[in-house]
Protein backbone atom coordinates (compact mmCIF):
# COMPACT_ATOMS: atom_id res chain seq x y z
CA UNK A 1 1.92 -15.61 4.97
CA UNK A 2 -0.62 -13.43 6.83
CA UNK A 3 0.58 -14.13 9.96
CA UNK A 4 4.06 -15.23 9.11
CA UNK A 5 5.24 -11.71 7.53
CA UNK A 6 4.28 -10.39 11.01
CA UNK A 7 6.27 -13.01 13.16
CA UNK A 8 9.22 -12.51 10.62
CA UNK A 9 9.12 -8.55 11.08
CA UNK A 10 8.76 -9.24 14.93
CA UNK A 11 11.73 -11.55 15.00
CA UNK A 12 13.81 -9.07 13.11
CA UNK A 13 12.37 -6.14 15.51
CA UNK A 14 11.30 -3.99 12.76
CA UNK A 15 7.72 -3.73 14.28
CA UNK A 16 6.52 -3.91 17.99
CA UNK A 17 3.83 -6.44 19.07
CA UNK A 18 1.58 -3.54 19.28
CA UNK A 19 2.25 -2.75 16.07
CA UNK A 20 1.48 -6.05 14.77
CA UNK A 21 -1.87 -6.43 16.76
CA UNK A 22 -2.75 -2.89 15.44
CA UNK A 23 -2.49 -4.07 12.11
CA UNK A 24 -4.26 -7.31 12.73
CA UNK A 25 -7.15 -5.02 14.15
CA UNK A 26 -7.22 -2.96 11.08
CA UNK A 27 -7.02 -6.23 9.02
CA UNK A 28 -10.23 -7.40 10.54
CA UNK A 29 -12.06 -4.33 10.03
CA UNK A 30 -11.12 -3.57 6.59
CA UNK A 31 -9.61 -6.73 4.95
CA UNK A 32 -6.33 -6.46 2.90
CA UNK A 33 -2.98 -8.15 3.33
CA UNK A 34 -1.06 -7.68 6.42
CA UNK A 35 2.30 -6.60 4.59
CA UNK A 36 0.30 -3.80 2.91
CA UNK A 37 -1.42 -2.70 5.98
CA UNK A 38 1.91 -2.39 8.18
CA UNK A 39 3.19 -0.29 5.15
CA UNK A 40 0.13 1.71 5.07
CA UNK A 41 0.36 2.84 8.93
CA UNK A 42 4.00 3.68 8.05
CA UNK A 43 5.45 1.09 10.50
CA UNK A 44 7.60 -0.66 7.75
CA UNK A 45 8.59 0.20 4.32
CA UNK A 46 8.08 -2.05 1.41
CA UNK A 47 11.94 -2.48 1.05
CA UNK A 48 11.99 -3.67 4.77
CA UNK A 49 9.42 -6.42 3.85
CA UNK A 50 11.02 -7.53 0.71
CA UNK A 51 14.60 -7.73 2.29
CA UNK A 52 12.96 -9.61 5.26
CA UNK A 53 11.37 -11.88 2.87
CA UNK A 54 14.66 -12.49 0.54
CA UNK A 55 16.63 -13.22 3.60
CA UNK A 56 14.08 -16.04 5.10
CA UNK A 57 13.58 -17.67 1.73
CA UNK A 58 16.97 -17.13 0.19
CA UNK A 59 15.62 -15.68 -2.79
CA UNK A 60 16.78 -12.46 -4.54
CA UNK A 61 14.67 -9.20 -4.09
CA UNK A 62 14.12 -6.56 -7.10
CA UNK A 63 12.83 -3.10 -7.22
CA UNK A 64 10.06 -3.48 -9.91
CA UNK A 65 9.79 0.62 -9.92
CA UNK A 66 13.17 0.74 -11.82
CA UNK A 67 12.78 -2.56 -13.87
CA UNK A 68 11.47 -2.38 -17.47
CA UNK A 69 9.57 -5.53 -18.69
CA UNK A 70 9.06 -6.86 -22.39
CA UNK A 71 5.53 -6.81 -23.16
CA UNK A 72 5.89 -10.01 -25.02
CA UNK A 73 6.93 -11.59 -21.81
CA UNK A 74 3.92 -9.99 -19.86
CA UNK A 75 1.66 -11.87 -22.24
CA UNK A 76 3.00 -15.45 -21.02
CA UNK A 77 0.72 -14.86 -17.86
CA UNK A 78 -2.78 -13.74 -18.28
CA UNK A 79 -4.09 -10.94 -16.01
CA UNK A 80 -6.41 -12.89 -14.20
CA UNK A 81 -3.54 -15.11 -13.08
CA UNK A 82 -1.18 -12.21 -12.16
CA UNK A 83 -4.10 -10.73 -10.01
CA UNK A 84 -4.90 -14.16 -8.30
CA UNK A 85 -1.22 -14.73 -7.30
CA UNK A 86 0.08 -11.36 -6.97
CA UNK A 87 3.03 -12.02 -9.79
CA UNK A 88 4.10 -10.56 -12.77
CA UNK A 89 6.74 -12.11 -15.25
CA UNK A 90 10.07 -10.50 -15.49
CA UNK A 91 11.93 -12.02 -18.43
CA UNK A 92 12.27 -15.50 -20.04
CA UNK A 93 15.63 -17.23 -20.79
CA UNK A 94 15.33 -20.41 -22.71
CA UNK A 95 12.82 -22.89 -20.63
CA UNK A 96 12.96 -20.60 -17.33
CA UNK A 97 10.68 -17.88 -16.57
CA UNK A 98 11.77 -15.46 -14.01
CA UNK A 99 8.54 -14.03 -11.94
CA UNK A 100 8.26 -11.58 -9.13
CA UNK A 101 6.05 -12.65 -6.40
CA UNK A 102 5.24 -11.63 -2.81
CA UNK A 103 5.13 -14.97 -1.59
CA UNK A 104 7.80 -17.68 -3.17
CA UNK A 105 6.40 -20.15 -0.64
CA UNK A 106 3.19 -20.47 -2.60
CA UNK A 107 3.69 -23.86 -4.07
CA UNK A 108 0.62 -24.00 -5.78
CA UNK A 109 0.84 -20.61 -7.65
CA UNK A 110 4.31 -21.69 -8.92
CA UNK A 111 2.88 -25.14 -9.92
CA UNK A 112 0.01 -23.47 -11.67
CA UNK A 113 1.93 -20.99 -13.49
CA UNK A 114 4.86 -23.70 -14.64
CA UNK A 115 1.78 -25.80 -15.88
CA UNK A 116 -0.13 -22.79 -17.71
CA UNK A 117 2.95 -21.39 -19.23
CA UNK A 118 5.25 -24.92 -19.74
CA UNK A 119 8.04 -23.25 -18.59
CA UNK A 120 10.28 -23.54 -15.50
CA UNK A 121 9.87 -20.81 -12.84
CA UNK A 122 12.52 -18.93 -11.00
CA UNK A 123 10.85 -16.51 -8.46
CA UNK A 124 12.46 -13.34 -7.04
CA UNK A 125 10.54 -11.01 -4.39
CA UNK A 126 9.08 -7.91 -4.71
CA UNK A 127 6.76 -6.16 -2.46
CA UNK A 128 3.07 -6.30 -3.01
CA UNK A 129 2.65 -2.51 -3.67
CA UNK A 130 5.37 -2.87 -6.61
CA UNK A 131 3.59 -5.63 -8.16
CA UNK A 132 0.32 -4.12 -7.98
CA UNK A 133 1.80 -0.86 -9.80
CA UNK A 134 3.38 -3.15 -12.19
CA UNK A 135 0.19 -4.95 -13.36
CA UNK A 136 -1.48 -1.66 -13.82
CA UNK A 137 1.63 -0.54 -15.91
CA UNK A 138 1.62 -3.18 -18.22
CA UNK A 139 -1.79 -4.54 -17.94
CA UNK A 140 -3.79 -1.49 -17.62
CA UNK A 141 -5.38 0.38 -14.68
CA UNK A 142 -8.90 -0.91 -13.04
CA UNK A 143 -10.63 1.33 -15.34
CA UNK A 144 -8.57 0.26 -18.56
CA UNK A 145 -9.41 -3.46 -17.58
CA UNK A 146 -12.98 -2.81 -17.20
CA UNK A 147 -12.97 -0.80 -20.54
CA UNK A 148 -11.67 -3.95 -22.15
CA UNK A 149 -14.29 -5.94 -20.80
CA UNK A 150 -16.59 -3.16 -22.22
CA UNK A 151 -15.22 -3.65 -25.68
CA UNK A 152 -15.73 -7.22 -25.34
CA UNK A 153 -19.37 -6.67 -25.20
CA UNK A 154 -19.33 -4.57 -28.15
CA UNK A 155 -18.67 -7.09 -30.87
CA UNK A 156 -18.09 -4.98 -33.86
CA UNK A 157 -16.38 -5.62 -37.16
CA UNK A 158 -13.79 -2.66 -36.96
CA UNK A 159 -11.55 -3.40 -39.91
CA UNK A 160 -12.50 -3.97 -43.59
CA UNK A 161 -10.31 -5.22 -46.38
CA UNK A 162 -7.58 -2.63 -47.34
CA UNK A 163 -8.17 -2.61 -50.95
CA UNK A 164 -12.12 -2.32 -50.65
CA UNK A 165 -13.48 0.91 -52.01
CA UNK A 166 -16.11 2.61 -51.05
CA UNK A 167 -17.71 5.87 -51.97
CA UNK A 168 -18.53 8.15 -48.97
CA UNK A 169 -21.25 10.59 -49.18
CA UNK A 170 -21.87 13.16 -46.85
CA UNK A 171 -24.71 12.75 -44.56
CA UNK A 172 -27.59 15.18 -45.11
CA UNK A 173 -29.79 13.51 -43.24
CA UNK A 174 -29.39 11.20 -40.01
CA UNK A 175 -31.94 9.26 -37.81
CA UNK A 176 -32.09 10.80 -34.57
CA UNK A 177 -33.95 8.24 -32.94
CA UNK A 178 -31.34 5.48 -33.97
CA UNK A 179 -28.47 8.18 -32.40
CA UNK A 180 -30.78 8.20 -29.24
CA UNK A 181 -31.28 4.56 -29.17
CA UNK A 182 -27.50 3.62 -29.71
CA UNK A 183 -26.29 6.12 -26.86
CA UNK A 184 -28.62 4.69 -24.57
CA UNK A 185 -27.22 1.16 -25.03
CA UNK A 186 -25.72 -0.12 -21.78
CA UNK A 187 -22.32 -0.88 -23.12
CA UNK A 188 -22.10 2.86 -24.15
CA UNK A 189 -23.30 4.34 -21.03
CA UNK A 190 -20.83 2.14 -19.02
CA UNK A 191 -17.83 3.10 -21.57
CA UNK A 192 -18.69 6.98 -20.89
CA UNK A 193 -19.14 6.52 -17.02
CA UNK A 194 -15.88 4.64 -16.85
CA UNK A 195 -13.61 7.43 -18.77
CA UNK A 196 -15.16 10.27 -16.74
CA UNK A 197 -14.53 8.19 -13.40
CA UNK A 198 -11.07 7.43 -14.56
CA UNK A 199 -10.75 11.34 -15.40
CA UNK A 200 -12.07 12.20 -11.98
CA UNK A 201 -9.60 9.59 -10.17
CA UNK A 202 -6.64 10.88 -12.13
CA UNK A 203 -7.37 14.55 -11.23
CA UNK A 204 -7.18 15.47 -15.14
CA UNK A 205 -8.38 18.71 -15.84
CA UNK A 206 -9.88 17.99 -19.39
CA UNK A 207 -11.07 15.26 -21.39
CA UNK A 208 -10.50 15.30 -25.06
CA UNK A 209 -12.86 13.04 -27.28
CA UNK A 210 -10.95 13.26 -30.77
CA UNK A 211 -12.27 11.64 -33.94
CA UNK A 212 -9.81 11.36 -37.11
CA UNK A 213 -10.00 9.53 -40.52
CA UNK A 214 -8.93 6.24 -39.36
CA UNK A 215 -8.53 6.68 -35.41
CA UNK A 216 -10.96 7.57 -32.59
CA UNK A 217 -8.99 8.44 -29.36
CA UNK A 218 -9.45 9.70 -25.77
CA UNK A 219 -7.39 11.91 -24.22
CA UNK A 220 -6.58 13.47 -20.53
CA UNK A 221 -4.86 16.47 -19.67
CA UNK A 222 -3.11 15.67 -16.38
CA UNK A 223 -1.08 18.64 -14.75
CA UNK A 224 -0.96 20.28 -18.36
CA UNK A 225 0.24 17.61 -20.54
CA UNK A 226 -2.03 15.51 -22.51
CA UNK A 227 -1.72 11.85 -22.37
CA UNK A 228 -3.47 9.11 -24.70
CA UNK A 229 -5.70 7.00 -22.45
CA UNK A 230 -7.80 4.95 -24.89
CA UNK A 231 -8.69 4.30 -28.40
CA UNK A 232 -12.34 3.16 -28.67
CA UNK A 233 -13.73 1.27 -31.80
CA UNK A 234 -14.61 3.65 -34.73
CA UNK A 235 -18.06 2.28 -34.96
CA UNK A 236 -18.53 3.82 -31.46
CA UNK A 237 -17.61 7.37 -32.42
CA UNK A 238 -21.56 8.46 -33.10
CA UNK A 239 -22.85 6.39 -30.14
CA UNK A 240 -20.37 7.71 -27.86
CA UNK A 241 -20.59 11.18 -28.74
CA UNK A 242 -24.19 11.50 -28.57
CA UNK A 243 -24.23 9.80 -25.07
CA UNK A 244 -21.96 12.85 -24.03
CA UNK A 245 -24.25 15.31 -26.05
CA UNK A 246 -27.20 13.96 -24.29
CA UNK A 247 -25.57 13.92 -20.74
CA UNK A 248 -24.93 17.62 -21.45
CA UNK A 249 -28.57 18.46 -22.64
CA UNK A 250 -26.91 19.65 -26.23
CA UNK A 251 -28.78 18.90 -29.88
CA UNK A 252 -27.78 15.57 -31.04
CA UNK A 253 -28.96 16.23 -34.59
CA UNK A 254 -27.05 19.19 -34.84
CA UNK A 255 -23.55 18.61 -36.09
CA UNK A 256 -22.71 21.50 -37.94
CA UNK A 257 -22.47 24.00 -35.43
CA UNK A 258 -20.31 24.53 -32.28
CA UNK A 259 -22.30 23.70 -28.89
CA UNK A 260 -21.48 24.15 -25.36
CA UNK A 261 -23.46 22.64 -22.28
CA UNK A 262 -22.65 21.44 -18.81
CA UNK A 263 -22.71 17.87 -16.86
CA UNK A 264 -23.14 17.87 -13.10
CA UNK A 265 -21.72 14.97 -11.79
CA UNK A 266 -21.99 13.54 -7.88
CA UNK A 267 -19.50 10.88 -6.86
CA UNK A 268 -17.39 9.44 -3.95
CA UNK A 269 -13.57 9.82 -4.17
CA UNK A 270 -11.42 8.43 -1.42
CA UNK A 271 -14.58 8.26 0.94
CA UNK A 272 -15.61 11.87 0.20
CA UNK A 273 -18.84 12.76 -1.42
CA UNK A 274 -17.73 15.37 -4.28
CA UNK A 275 -19.51 17.49 -6.79
CA UNK A 276 -18.10 18.07 -10.30
CA UNK A 277 -18.91 20.24 -12.98
CA UNK A 278 -18.03 19.21 -16.63
CA UNK A 279 -17.99 22.09 -19.37
CA UNK A 280 -18.65 20.42 -22.68
CA UNK A 281 -17.65 22.04 -25.96
CA UNK A 282 -18.43 20.34 -29.17
CA UNK A 283 -16.54 21.51 -32.48
CA UNK A 284 -17.68 20.06 -35.32
CA UNK A 285 -14.23 18.68 -37.61
CA UNK A 286 -13.84 17.14 -40.96
CA UNK A 287 -14.27 13.73 -39.38
CA UNK A 288 -16.93 14.31 -36.76
CA UNK A 289 -17.43 16.15 -33.63
CA UNK A 290 -14.53 16.78 -31.19
CA UNK A 291 -15.67 17.02 -27.71
CA UNK A 292 -13.58 18.80 -24.92
CA UNK A 293 -14.86 18.44 -21.28
CA UNK A 294 -13.30 20.52 -19.08
CA UNK A 295 -13.61 19.32 -15.22
CA UNK A 296 -14.57 21.98 -12.66
CA UNK A 297 -13.73 20.75 -9.24
CA UNK A 298 -14.73 23.31 -6.57
CA UNK A 299 -12.78 21.57 -3.99
CA UNK A 300 -9.42 22.06 -5.90
CA UNK A 301 -9.95 25.93 -6.44
CA UNK A 302 -7.24 27.54 -4.63
CA UNK A 303 -8.61 30.96 -3.17
CA UNK A 304 -5.77 31.36 -0.86
CA UNK A 305 -3.54 34.24 -2.70
CA UNK A 306 -0.46 33.04 -0.58
CA UNK A 307 -0.50 29.57 -2.02
CA UNK A 308 -0.86 30.34 -5.71
CA UNK A 309 2.82 30.50 -6.40
CA UNK A 310 3.86 34.62 -6.05
CA UNK A 311 7.06 35.20 -4.51
CA UNK A 312 6.79 37.83 -1.70
CA UNK A 313 7.62 40.88 -3.73
CA UNK A 314 5.23 39.86 -6.20
CA UNK A 315 2.54 39.18 -3.57
CA UNK A 316 3.01 42.46 -2.19
CA UNK A 317 2.57 44.19 -5.53
CA UNK A 318 -0.69 42.36 -6.30
CA UNK A 319 -2.30 42.77 -2.95
CA UNK A 320 -1.51 46.57 -2.93
CA UNK A 321 -3.17 46.73 -6.19
CA UNK A 322 -6.27 44.86 -5.42
CA UNK A 323 -6.65 46.94 -2.11
CA UNK A 324 -6.76 50.10 -4.00
CA UNK A 325 -10.29 51.72 -4.11
CA UNK A 326 -10.43 52.33 -7.87
CA UNK A 327 -8.24 51.51 -10.80
CA UNK A 328 -7.62 48.34 -13.10
CA UNK A 329 -5.72 45.17 -12.58
CA UNK A 330 -4.81 42.94 -15.34
CA UNK A 331 -4.18 39.25 -15.19
CA UNK A 332 -2.64 37.83 -18.58
CA UNK A 333 -1.43 34.68 -19.92
CA UNK A 334 -2.58 31.86 -22.56
CA UNK A 335 -5.50 29.67 -22.12
CA UNK A 336 -5.26 27.32 -19.01
CA UNK A 337 -2.43 29.35 -17.16
CA UNK A 338 -4.49 29.96 -14.10
CA UNK A 339 -5.81 33.30 -14.83
CA UNK A 340 -9.44 32.64 -13.69
CA UNK A 341 -8.13 30.98 -10.40
CA UNK A 342 -5.94 34.15 -9.47
CA UNK A 343 -8.86 36.54 -10.23
CA UNK A 344 -11.14 34.48 -8.06
CA UNK A 345 -8.60 34.42 -5.25
CA UNK A 346 -8.62 38.21 -5.63
CA UNK A 347 -12.26 38.68 -5.16
CA UNK A 348 -12.46 35.94 -2.50
CA UNK A 349 -9.85 38.14 -0.51
CA UNK A 350 -11.96 41.32 -1.19
CA UNK A 351 -15.36 39.66 -0.76
CA UNK A 352 -17.00 41.43 2.19
CA UNK A 353 -20.63 42.35 3.21
CA UNK A 354 -19.80 46.02 2.44
CA UNK A 355 -18.60 45.75 -1.01
CA UNK A 356 -20.87 44.94 -4.17
CA UNK A 357 -18.71 42.85 -6.43
CA UNK A 358 -20.21 41.98 -10.12
CA UNK A 359 -18.48 39.54 -12.48
CA UNK A 360 -19.11 39.01 -16.23
CA UNK A 361 -17.88 35.83 -17.21
CA UNK A 362 -17.78 33.17 -20.28
CA UNK A 363 -18.42 31.05 -19.02
CA UNK A 364 -19.27 31.21 -15.17
CA UNK A 365 -16.69 28.53 -13.95
CA UNK A 366 -17.51 28.45 -10.28
CA UNK A 367 -20.32 29.71 -8.29
CA UNK A 368 -18.97 31.97 -5.30
CA UNK A 369 -21.27 33.27 -2.56
CA UNK A 370 -21.74 36.63 -1.89
CA UNK A 371 -20.66 37.50 -5.55
CA UNK A 372 -23.24 38.65 -8.47
CA UNK A 373 -22.17 36.30 -11.57
CA UNK A 374 -23.47 37.07 -15.12
CA UNK A 375 -23.14 34.67 -17.98
CA UNK A 376 -22.23 36.19 -21.12
CA UNK A 377 -24.60 35.24 -24.06
CA UNK A 378 -23.10 36.93 -27.39
CA UNK A 379 -25.84 35.08 -29.33
CA UNK A 380 -28.63 37.22 -27.75
CA UNK A 381 -26.51 40.67 -27.48
CA UNK A 382 -25.24 40.01 -23.86
CA UNK A 383 -21.50 40.91 -24.54
CA UNK A 384 -18.81 41.88 -22.36
CA UNK A 385 -19.48 45.35 -23.26
CA UNK A 386 -23.24 45.39 -22.92
CA UNK A 387 -22.90 43.53 -19.19
CA UNK A 388 -20.30 46.51 -18.37
CA UNK A 389 -22.64 49.39 -19.15
CA UNK A 390 -25.45 47.42 -17.08
CA UNK A 391 -23.18 47.04 -14.18
CA UNK A 392 -22.31 50.86 -13.93
CA UNK A 393 -26.19 51.38 -13.17
CA UNK A 394 -25.81 48.55 -10.41
CA UNK A 395 -24.03 50.58 -7.80
CA UNK A 396 -20.77 48.31 -7.90
CA UNK A 397 -17.56 48.59 -6.21
CA UNK A 398 -15.52 45.82 -7.79
CA UNK A 399 -15.95 44.62 -11.27
CA UNK A 400 -14.51 41.15 -12.66
CA UNK A 401 -14.55 41.19 -16.54
CA UNK A 402 -13.82 37.93 -17.78
CA UNK A 403 -11.66 38.84 -20.75
CA UNK A 404 -11.00 42.22 -22.53
CA UNK A 405 -11.38 41.09 -26.18
CA UNK A 406 -11.99 44.25 -27.99
CA UNK A 407 -11.56 48.08 -27.97
CA UNK A 408 -15.12 48.83 -26.90
CA UNK A 409 -14.79 46.40 -23.91
CA UNK A 410 -11.54 47.59 -22.94
CA UNK A 411 -12.87 51.32 -23.25
CA UNK A 412 -15.81 50.85 -20.94
CA UNK A 413 -13.43 48.93 -18.30
CA UNK A 414 -11.18 51.68 -18.16
CA UNK A 415 -13.74 54.45 -17.92
CA UNK A 416 -15.15 52.48 -15.02
CA UNK A 417 -11.57 52.41 -13.33
CA UNK A 418 -11.19 55.98 -13.76
CA UNK A 419 -14.83 56.74 -12.15
CA UNK A 420 -14.11 55.06 -8.85
CA UNK A 421 -14.45 51.27 -9.45
CA UNK A 422 -11.56 48.59 -8.98
CA UNK A 423 -11.97 46.78 -12.45
CA UNK A 424 -10.17 43.10 -12.35
CA UNK A 425 -9.89 41.21 -15.99
CA UNK A 426 -7.65 39.43 -18.29
CA UNK A 427 -5.98 39.80 -21.47
CA UNK A 428 -3.97 37.54 -23.63
CA UNK A 429 -0.30 38.61 -23.61
CA UNK A 430 2.99 37.20 -23.50
CA UNK A 431 4.31 38.89 -20.38
CA UNK A 432 3.52 41.96 -18.46
CA UNK A 433 5.24 44.89 -20.52
CA UNK A 434 3.60 43.87 -23.75
CA UNK A 435 0.45 43.99 -22.23
CA UNK A 436 0.86 48.01 -22.39
CA UNK A 437 1.48 47.87 -25.95
CA UNK A 438 -1.49 45.47 -26.64
CA UNK A 439 -3.86 48.00 -25.20
CA UNK A 440 -2.51 50.75 -27.11
CA UNK A 441 -2.79 48.95 -30.37
CA UNK A 442 -6.44 48.43 -29.40
CA UNK A 443 -6.85 51.92 -29.61
CA UNK A 444 -7.00 52.92 -26.07
CA UNK A 445 -5.34 56.39 -25.53
CA UNK A 446 -1.70 56.16 -23.66
CA UNK A 447 -3.24 58.88 -20.71
CA UNK A 448 -5.95 56.57 -20.10
CA UNK A 449 -3.90 53.28 -19.91
CA UNK A 450 -1.16 55.30 -17.70
CA UNK A 451 -3.91 56.76 -15.14
CA UNK A 452 -6.28 53.83 -14.57
CA UNK A 453 -3.97 50.78 -14.81
CA UNK A 454 -2.56 49.66 -11.36
CA UNK A 455 -0.78 46.23 -11.89
CA UNK A 456 -0.18 43.77 -14.96
CA UNK A 457 0.36 40.26 -13.50
CA UNK A 458 1.78 37.60 -16.39
CA UNK A 459 1.25 33.99 -15.39
CA UNK A 460 1.98 30.61 -16.31
CA UNK A 461 1.33 27.22 -14.68
CA UNK A 462 4.35 24.60 -14.37
CA UNK A 463 4.33 21.09 -12.95
CA UNK A 464 5.68 20.54 -9.46
CA UNK A 465 8.01 17.51 -8.93
CA UNK A 466 6.49 14.52 -7.30
CA UNK A 467 7.69 14.86 -3.51
CA UNK A 468 7.42 10.70 -3.22
CA UNK A 469 10.27 10.42 -5.96
CA UNK A 470 12.14 13.56 -5.81
CA UNK A 471 15.75 13.20 -6.18
CA UNK A 472 19.11 15.29 -6.88
CA UNK A 473 20.37 15.65 -10.10
CA UNK A 474 23.68 16.96 -11.23
CA UNK A 475 23.72 20.30 -13.77
CA UNK A 476 26.87 21.45 -15.12
CA UNK A 477 27.35 25.25 -13.73
CA UNK A 478 27.61 26.52 -17.32
CA UNK A 479 24.41 25.16 -17.95
CA UNK A 480 22.79 26.71 -15.09
CA UNK A 481 24.35 30.31 -15.65
CA UNK A 482 23.06 30.00 -19.12
CA UNK A 483 19.87 29.52 -17.80
CA UNK A 484 19.85 32.78 -15.78
CA UNK A 485 21.47 31.78 -12.57
CA UNK A 486 24.32 34.38 -11.54
CA UNK A 487 27.73 32.61 -10.89
CA UNK A 488 27.03 32.48 -7.29
CA UNK A 489 23.95 30.99 -7.45
CA UNK A 490 24.94 28.34 -9.87
CA UNK A 491 27.57 27.34 -7.47
CA UNK A 492 25.15 26.67 -4.48
CA UNK A 493 21.91 25.71 -6.14
CA UNK A 494 20.70 21.94 -5.81
CA UNK A 495 18.70 20.86 -8.87
CA UNK A 496 16.01 17.90 -8.27
CA UNK A 497 13.72 15.92 -10.63
CA UNK A 498 11.07 13.19 -10.15
CA UNK A 499 12.24 9.34 -11.04
CA UNK A 500 8.64 8.70 -11.45
CA UNK A 501 6.30 6.29 -9.03
CA UNK A 502 2.71 5.37 -8.56
CA UNK A 503 1.77 8.62 -6.88
CA UNK A 504 2.67 10.67 -10.13
CA UNK A 505 1.69 8.01 -12.76
CA UNK A 506 5.55 7.77 -13.58
CA UNK A 507 5.85 11.29 -14.72
CA UNK A 508 7.87 12.62 -12.25
CA UNK A 509 5.34 15.61 -11.47
CA UNK A 510 2.64 16.02 -9.26
CA UNK A 511 0.43 19.16 -9.09
CA UNK A 512 0.93 22.46 -10.55
CA UNK A 513 1.99 26.00 -9.36
CA UNK A 514 1.97 29.20 -10.92
CA UNK A 515 4.82 31.76 -11.85
CA UNK A 516 4.12 35.27 -11.50
CA UNK A 517 5.39 38.45 -13.21
CA UNK A 518 3.92 41.41 -11.42
CA UNK A 519 4.41 44.74 -13.07
CA UNK A 520 3.29 47.49 -10.78
CA UNK A 521 2.46 50.69 -12.71
CA UNK A 522 3.84 53.38 -10.34
CA UNK A 523 4.95 57.06 -11.35
CA UNK A 524 8.01 56.14 -12.86
CA UNK A 525 6.38 53.43 -15.13
CA UNK A 526 3.58 55.87 -16.00
CA UNK A 527 5.52 58.23 -17.56
CA UNK A 528 7.55 55.81 -19.68
CA UNK A 529 3.57 54.76 -21.08
CA UNK A 530 2.74 58.49 -21.56
CA UNK A 531 5.92 58.81 -23.65
CA UNK A 532 5.31 55.68 -25.82
CA UNK A 533 8.05 53.66 -24.58
CA UNK A 534 8.58 50.02 -25.99
CA UNK A 535 7.88 46.74 -23.93
CA UNK A 536 11.37 46.04 -23.41
CA UNK A 537 11.99 49.66 -21.87
CA UNK A 538 8.98 49.15 -19.63
CA UNK A 539 10.46 45.73 -18.63
CA UNK A 540 13.95 47.05 -17.62
CA UNK A 541 12.43 49.93 -15.79
CA UNK A 542 10.25 47.47 -13.75
CA UNK A 543 12.94 44.95 -12.95
CA UNK A 544 15.14 48.20 -11.52
CA UNK A 545 11.87 48.93 -9.31
CA UNK A 546 11.88 45.12 -7.68
CA UNK A 547 9.52 43.08 -10.66
CA UNK A 548 10.49 39.53 -10.83
CA UNK A 549 10.21 38.17 -14.13
CA UNK A 550 8.33 34.90 -15.25
CA UNK A 551 11.92 33.25 -15.67
CA UNK A 552 13.18 34.63 -12.47
CA UNK A 553 10.10 33.38 -10.59
CA UNK A 554 10.91 29.78 -12.45
CA UNK A 555 14.53 30.10 -11.38
CA UNK A 556 13.53 30.58 -7.66
CA UNK A 557 11.35 27.55 -7.80
CA UNK A 558 14.17 25.41 -9.03
CA UNK A 559 16.18 26.66 -6.22
CA UNK A 560 13.45 25.80 -3.87
CA UNK A 561 13.11 22.33 -5.55
CA UNK A 562 9.80 22.86 -6.56
CA UNK A 563 10.07 22.24 -10.24
CA UNK A 564 12.28 21.12 -12.93
CA UNK A 565 14.56 23.02 -15.70
CA UNK A 566 12.49 21.59 -18.24
CA UNK A 567 9.36 22.98 -17.08
CA UNK A 568 10.84 26.33 -16.61
CA UNK A 569 12.53 26.40 -19.91
CA UNK A 570 9.08 25.10 -21.58
CA UNK A 571 7.12 28.04 -20.25
CA UNK A 572 9.53 30.75 -20.30
CA UNK A 573 11.98 32.72 -22.20
CA UNK A 574 15.20 34.43 -21.00
CA UNK A 575 15.43 37.89 -19.70
């Protein structure tokens, strides 16, 4: 079929002889099927190939991306056979099994499957890419398949009789040597390496290893949403946990206290050598230790402020604030909303040879050249407040404080901002105006807040629509108006969503972008703070002065076709 498909496409004038020769040269050099190579080189589409083959063989074609297969039907053909012949079963009616194939002329494959299943075989044509995606979807990804092989090596009796009674006693002592040995067994090492590799490949931001009473599961956070990845046998819990703790240089004998560590991993992804740090947090729960591994990939750190997602008015407010010689800029939002990335972008923009930048972080997530970064260790007394006091004796121009957690830190930070330093920090609040009330509730005097604060930026991270499967969706005008659009905007806005494809793991989303609400503390807002105005009054005045709210930022991104209504509703409230 290798040359045949090329000849068929030439005959239909879908490719030129030069393009076919180029594809054949690529095949000689790197291997692979000629059809896939032609698609990869953008000479034809998958639909072009399936249409040509369908016409040639008189066999109907099917788009597998829009076809749901019954899992019971999938079981009729083993994975090895599906991979060998590039087929996937679709449906069974009586004694006839319909299969999708890339090559209906392969008589040997048809006979083999007929003999294996005992059914008459009815072929339909699908593209090679679609069949590969379907095999991964219904049989599992290559990593998941590999994991199954690992499980098969671990012949562990998992289930006991439901009515067996066993009195469990809390383990006061444990055999550390045994834990060490079990964690270094080849299958365990392989299992941990596999799910770490899978997380890197899927661009996950976190790995959650969670023990429960009867379950043990591993989940990945991808684009801000947690997905179940695998459920290893319960008996592997201790060995797997110990393996991760050994890699993070933690105490495997200590199971009663939280622990934090780091793992550095070097790997190759898509031909590029990458280095990824894993921040490991170990938390004791009633059923064992829960581990969360945060992936810190410096290559994905967005240091260009223009690409964070700020609208031009918000970006101008932010840049004006951080280029002031002194004062305080606060970035607010929940955990995982991208605050650290925004602060890193800000100090990268300010990082020149004529300024002294010092940061206090817990933890230091990324090492930035030319910036003095300090790791907070509260256990030994190195708190944010203690670090800040030391910073003021280090002749700084710009100070970054990871988080304002208490009155002491807030007071020192504000005093630093009032004495000729630019201070950048974060705070956990719902929106920009409520940050003022939060500082006042901490005990900071209104006049200190109004005189020191330059800007408050609230942010959220939302998922972007996958560009590969983006399509228009009809939404009633009333729904758009209820969302926050004006009637004029609602009449003209085009709402998009993602259908789901291989590029986005069938979620319809790929990547994330920020929503920003930048409240500049100008003279008018400052006066409102001094008289103790409410968050609502501050918000109203800031909107009058040009502030875009989080909801408005989301609406503009819907308008631009960047995100969906669901994402904006999930992360923002109506103004």
